[in-house]
Amino acid sequence: MSYAIITGASKGIGKCIATELAQRGYDVLLVARSTDLLNSLAQSLSQEYAITAKALSVDMASADTAATIFDYCQQQQLSVSIIVNNAGYGLSGTFEKYAAAAHEAMLQVNIMSLTQLCALFIPQLKKQPQAYILNIASSAAYQAVPYLGAYAASKAYVLRFSRALYQEYKNSNLSVSCVCPGPTDTDFVNRALLGPKGMKAAAKVNMTPEQVAQIAVKAMFAKKPTTIVGWVNKLGAFLAWLLPNTIVERSAMSIYQ
């Protein structure tokens, strides 16, 4: 079986997607910053599902990380047929709360490393009998979100970029899918420094990472261009399309302010 590369694989949705793919017999390359968590997961997946699981500890916020992952796969002679761009995080609060370097690091993870991985691996993916790219965006991609502005904008990029690639490769062996989760029971709220009001709102509609991963993997193999996870998030995306921008943005601002 060929390899699936999963970024942000040490915990949360990425870990659960890696498990879903291992259950299906795929060998996996687990990518994240945490060496200990990756090695532990690689060992457990290898033992439980009789697949090969490799761990590569890198920081997706570094400009050369995508090239490092690609070079590793070349050196190890890994046949890759799935790329899961799951790594990502947000910064909550006023835009000026964070230094320019903090915004740059987040955008490197959410946008640039994702784009670079696609650019580097697509030529190889096209040589496979069937290949997949799964990009994880967010329900925030469908609107501007004050106090979470750069994050929401970065996920809008992921959504539109993914849909463009889906159309470009629709008649080929490569399928590109984008999955947009809403609030999920992961470490996102802590890293984003989400306030009590935002955490309370998220808790009401939280899904588990296992649920999100199952939906995401099924959507990828079904070759769906876009999937919004959960009926509440689907409703939110519809209202963001239906209602005037000002109303939608002020409603979001009341949550994250």
Protein backbone atom coordinates (compact mmCIF):
# COMPACT_ATOMS: atom_id res chain seq x y z
CA MET A 1 0.00 0.00 0.00
CA SER A 2 1.21 3.53 -0.75
CA TYR A 3 1.80 6.24 1.80
CA ALA A 4 -0.46 8.96 3.13
CA ILE A 5 1.23 12.08 4.48
CA ILE A 6 -0.67 13.76 7.32
CA THR A 7 0.51 17.11 8.69
CA GLY A 8 -0.47 18.13 12.20
CA ALA A 9 -0.73 14.41 12.93
CA SER A 10 0.33 14.32 16.58
CA LYS A 11 -3.14 15.01 18.02
CA GLY A 12 -6.67 16.17 17.28
CA ILE A 13 -8.15 15.82 13.81
CA GLY A 14 -4.80 14.94 12.21
CA LYS A 15 -4.22 12.05 14.58
CA CYS A 16 -7.73 10.73 13.95
CA ILE A 17 -7.34 11.02 10.16
CA ALA A 18 -4.07 9.08 10.40
CA THR A 19 -5.90 6.39 12.35
CA GLU A 20 -8.72 6.25 9.79
CA LEU A 21 -6.24 5.79 6.95
CA ALA A 22 -4.20 3.20 8.85
CA GLN A 23 -7.42 1.24 9.41
CA ARG A 24 -7.85 1.20 5.63
CA GLY A 25 -4.38 -0.27 5.19
CA TYR A 26 -2.45 2.83 4.18
CA ASP A 27 1.11 3.31 5.33
CA VAL A 28 1.41 6.73 6.93
CA LEU A 29 3.99 9.46 7.30
CA LEU A 30 3.08 11.42 10.42
CA VAL A 31 4.27 15.03 10.40
CA ALA A 32 4.18 17.48 13.32
CA ARG A 33 6.45 19.25 15.79
CA SER A 34 6.13 16.88 18.74
CA THR A 35 8.67 14.06 18.38
CA ASP A 36 7.44 12.06 21.38
CA LEU A 37 3.77 12.17 20.41
CA LEU A 38 4.56 11.27 16.80
CA ASN A 39 6.77 8.33 17.73
CA SER A 40 4.16 7.02 20.16
CA LEU A 41 1.40 7.27 17.54
CA ALA A 42 3.58 5.69 14.84
CA GLN A 43 4.32 2.75 17.10
CA SER A 44 0.68 2.20 18.09
CA LEU A 45 -0.62 2.44 14.51
CA SER A 46 2.05 0.04 13.23
CA GLN A 47 1.22 -2.52 15.90
CA GLU A 48 -2.56 -2.25 15.76
CA TYR A 49 -3.08 -2.13 12.00
CA ALA A 50 0.00 -3.94 10.66
CA ILE A 51 1.03 -1.00 8.51
CA THR A 52 4.24 1.01 8.31
CA ALA A 53 4.05 4.31 10.17
CA LYS A 54 6.92 6.77 9.99
CA ALA A 55 7.32 9.94 12.03
CA LEU A 56 8.90 13.18 10.82
CA SER A 57 9.26 15.97 13.36
CA VAL A 58 9.30 19.37 11.65
CA ASP A 59 7.81 22.82 12.19
CA MET A 60 5.32 23.77 9.47
CA ALA A 61 5.97 27.43 10.32
CA SER A 62 9.42 27.21 8.72
CA ALA A 63 9.65 28.29 5.10
CA ASP A 64 11.65 25.22 4.04
CA THR A 65 9.54 22.57 5.78
CA ALA A 66 7.60 21.47 2.70
CA ALA A 67 10.88 20.89 0.87
CA THR A 68 12.19 18.95 3.89
CA ILE A 69 9.15 16.65 3.79
CA PHE A 70 9.48 16.15 0.04
CA ASP A 71 13.22 15.42 0.26
CA TYR A 72 12.60 12.92 3.06
CA CYS A 73 10.07 11.05 0.93
CA GLN A 74 12.52 11.02 -1.99
CA GLN A 75 15.35 9.72 0.17
CA GLN A 76 13.13 7.05 1.74
CA GLN A 77 11.67 6.18 -1.69
CA LEU A 78 8.13 6.48 -0.37
CA SER A 79 5.34 6.07 -2.89
CA VAL A 80 2.86 8.77 -1.87
CA SER A 81 -0.76 8.74 -3.01
CA ILE A 82 -2.45 10.88 -0.33
CA ILE A 83 -1.56 14.31 1.06
CA VAL A 84 -3.57 15.52 4.05
CA ASN A 85 -2.87 19.18 4.79
CA ASN A 86 -4.29 19.33 8.29
CA ALA A 87 -1.74 21.46 10.17
CA GLY A 88 -3.10 24.89 11.05
CA TYR A 89 -3.89 27.22 13.91
CA GLY A 90 -5.42 30.59 14.68
CA LEU A 91 -4.65 33.76 16.63
CA SER A 92 -7.60 35.27 18.47
CA GLY A 93 -7.83 38.92 19.50
CA THR A 94 -7.23 42.29 17.88
CA PHE A 95 -4.95 42.20 14.87
CA GLU A 96 -2.39 44.47 16.57
CA LYS A 97 -2.25 42.17 19.60
CA TYR A 98 0.31 40.06 17.74
CA ALA A 99 3.63 41.02 16.20
CA ALA A 100 4.06 40.77 12.44
CA ALA A 101 6.24 37.67 12.93
CA ALA A 102 3.39 35.86 14.71
CA HIS A 103 0.99 36.53 11.83
CA GLU A 104 3.65 35.48 9.34
CA ALA A 105 4.24 32.17 11.15
CA MET A 106 0.53 31.38 11.19
CA LEU A 107 0.12 32.19 7.50
CA GLN A 108 3.18 30.07 6.69
CA VAL A 109 1.49 27.08 8.33
CA ASN A 110 -2.05 27.70 7.09
CA ILE A 111 -1.28 28.84 3.54
CA MET A 112 2.30 28.66 2.33
CA SER A 113 3.36 25.22 3.59
CA LEU A 114 0.06 23.77 2.34
CA THR A 115 0.54 25.35 -1.09
CA GLN A 116 4.19 24.29 -1.27
CA LEU A 117 3.34 20.67 -0.43
CA CYS A 118 0.74 20.61 -3.19
CA ALA A 119 3.20 22.09 -5.69
CA LEU A 120 5.98 19.66 -4.78
CA PHE A 121 3.91 16.47 -4.64
CA ILE A 122 1.34 16.89 -7.42
CA PRO A 123 3.73 15.71 -10.18
CA GLN A 124 4.32 12.52 -8.18
CA LEU A 125 0.64 12.10 -7.28
CA LYS A 126 -0.30 12.26 -10.96
CA LYS A 127 1.82 9.14 -11.57
CA GLN A 128 -0.29 7.09 -9.15
CA PRO A 129 -3.29 5.03 -10.31
CA GLN A 130 -5.41 7.12 -7.96
CA ALA A 131 -4.33 9.96 -5.69
CA TYR A 132 -5.94 12.37 -3.26
CA ILE A 133 -5.28 15.73 -1.64
CA LEU A 134 -7.33 16.54 1.45
CA ASN A 135 -7.08 20.12 2.71
CA ILE A 136 -8.60 20.99 6.07
CA ALA A 137 -10.07 24.50 6.12
CA SER A 138 -12.74 25.76 8.54
CA SER A 139 -16.33 26.92 8.67
CA ALA A 140 -14.73 30.34 9.29
CA ALA A 141 -13.69 30.30 5.62
CA TYR A 142 -17.16 31.45 4.60
CA GLN A 143 -17.07 34.89 6.23
CA ALA A 144 -14.85 37.59 7.65
CA VAL A 145 -14.38 37.09 11.39
CA PRO A 146 -13.32 40.15 13.38
CA TYR A 147 -10.82 39.26 16.13
CA LEU A 148 -9.98 36.11 14.21
CA GLY A 149 -9.39 37.94 10.95
CA ALA A 150 -6.14 36.56 9.56
CA TYR A 151 -7.08 32.99 10.49
CA ALA A 152 -10.48 33.17 8.79
CA ALA A 153 -8.91 34.78 5.72
CA SER A 154 -6.26 32.05 5.56
CA LYS A 155 -8.95 29.38 5.62
CA ALA A 156 -10.87 31.19 2.88
CA TYR A 157 -7.70 30.84 0.81
CA VAL A 158 -7.54 27.11 1.54
CA LEU A 159 -11.17 26.68 0.49
CA ARG A 160 -10.88 28.61 -2.79
CA PHE A 161 -7.48 27.16 -3.64
CA SER A 162 -8.80 23.64 -3.08
CA ARG A 163 -11.88 24.18 -5.22
CA ALA A 164 -9.71 25.56 -8.02
CA LEU A 165 -7.45 22.51 -7.89
CA TYR A 166 -10.48 20.22 -7.83
CA GLN A 167 -11.64 21.67 -11.15
CA GLU A 168 -8.15 21.58 -12.67
CA TYR A 169 -7.68 17.87 -11.90
CA LYS A 170 -11.31 16.74 -12.05
CA ASN A 171 -10.76 14.61 -15.15
CA SER A 172 -7.50 13.09 -13.95
CA ASN A 173 -6.43 10.48 -11.43
CA LEU A 174 -6.00 13.19 -8.77
CA SER A 175 -8.92 14.26 -6.60
CA VAL A 176 -8.72 17.38 -4.41
CA SER A 177 -11.11 17.81 -1.49
CA CYS A 178 -11.58 20.49 1.14
CA VAL A 179 -13.28 19.80 4.47
CA CYS A 180 -14.50 22.65 6.66
CA PRO A 181 -15.01 21.71 10.31
CA GLY A 182 -16.57 24.00 12.87
CA PRO A 183 -15.76 23.96 16.59
CA THR A 184 -14.01 20.69 17.43
CA ASP A 185 -12.82 19.32 20.75
CA THR A 186 -9.11 19.90 20.09
CA ASP A 187 -6.32 22.14 21.37
CA PHE A 188 -7.27 24.85 18.83
CA VAL A 189 -9.06 27.09 21.35
CA ASN A 190 -6.07 27.08 23.69
CA ARG A 191 -3.48 27.88 21.04
CA ALA A 192 -5.75 30.56 19.56
CA LEU A 193 -6.13 32.13 23.02
CA LEU A 194 -9.88 32.18 22.53
CA GLY A 195 -11.73 34.17 25.19
CA PRO A 196 -14.33 32.70 27.58
CA LYS A 197 -17.24 33.89 25.41
CA GLY A 198 -15.82 32.22 22.30
CA MET A 199 -15.05 29.02 24.19
CA LYS A 200 -18.57 28.91 25.62
CA ALA A 201 -20.09 29.37 22.15
CA ALA A 202 -17.85 26.68 20.69
CA ALA A 203 -18.63 24.22 23.47
CA LYS A 204 -22.33 24.25 22.53
CA VAL A 205 -21.68 22.82 19.06
CA ASN A 206 -18.37 20.99 19.55
CA MET A 207 -17.78 17.81 17.57
CA THR A 208 -15.16 15.22 18.42
CA PRO A 209 -12.03 14.95 16.26
CA GLU A 210 -12.99 11.32 15.59
CA GLN A 211 -16.31 12.44 14.07
CA VAL A 212 -14.62 15.09 11.92
CA ALA A 213 -11.95 12.65 10.74
CA GLN A 214 -14.50 10.02 9.71
CA ILE A 215 -16.47 12.57 7.70
CA ALA A 216 -13.30 14.03 6.16
CA VAL A 217 -11.88 10.70 5.01
CA LYS A 218 -15.22 9.55 3.58
CA ALA A 219 -15.55 12.85 1.68
CA MET A 220 -12.02 12.51 0.31
CA PHE A 221 -12.56 8.99 -1.02
CA ALA A 222 -15.96 10.06 -2.39
CA LYS A 223 -14.09 12.80 -4.32
CA LYS A 224 -16.26 15.59 -2.95
CA PRO A 225 -14.85 19.05 -3.65
CA THR A 226 -16.17 20.64 -0.45
CA THR A 227 -17.70 19.31 2.74
CA ILE A 228 -18.93 21.39 5.67
CA VAL A 229 -18.94 19.29 8.83
CA GLY A 230 -22.11 19.43 10.94
CA TRP A 231 -25.55 20.87 10.29
CA VAL A 232 -24.95 23.91 12.50
CA ASN A 233 -21.91 24.86 10.42
CA LYS A 234 -23.80 24.22 7.18
CA LEU A 235 -26.52 26.56 8.41
CA GLY A 236 -23.90 29.14 9.35
CA ALA A 237 -22.35 29.02 5.89
CA PHE A 238 -25.77 29.41 4.30
CA LEU A 239 -26.61 32.41 6.49
CA ALA A 240 -23.22 33.96 5.70
CA TRP A 241 -24.19 33.72 2.02
CA LEU A 242 -27.77 34.90 2.56
CA LEU A 243 -27.40 37.79 5.00
CA PRO A 244 -25.63 41.13 4.48
CA ASN A 245 -21.93 41.01 5.32
CA THR A 246 -22.25 43.61 8.07
CA ILE A 247 -24.80 41.55 10.00
CA VAL A 248 -22.75 38.37 9.69
CA GLU A 249 -19.52 40.09 10.69
CA ARG A 250 -21.02 41.88 13.69
CA SER A 251 -22.55 38.63 14.88
CA ALA A 252 -19.15 36.91 14.68
CA MET A 253 -17.49 39.88 16.37
CA SER A 254 -19.85 39.61 19.35
CA ILE A 255 -18.56 36.08 19.94
CA TYR A 256 -14.84 36.65 19.55
CA GLN A 257 -14.49 40.17 20.94
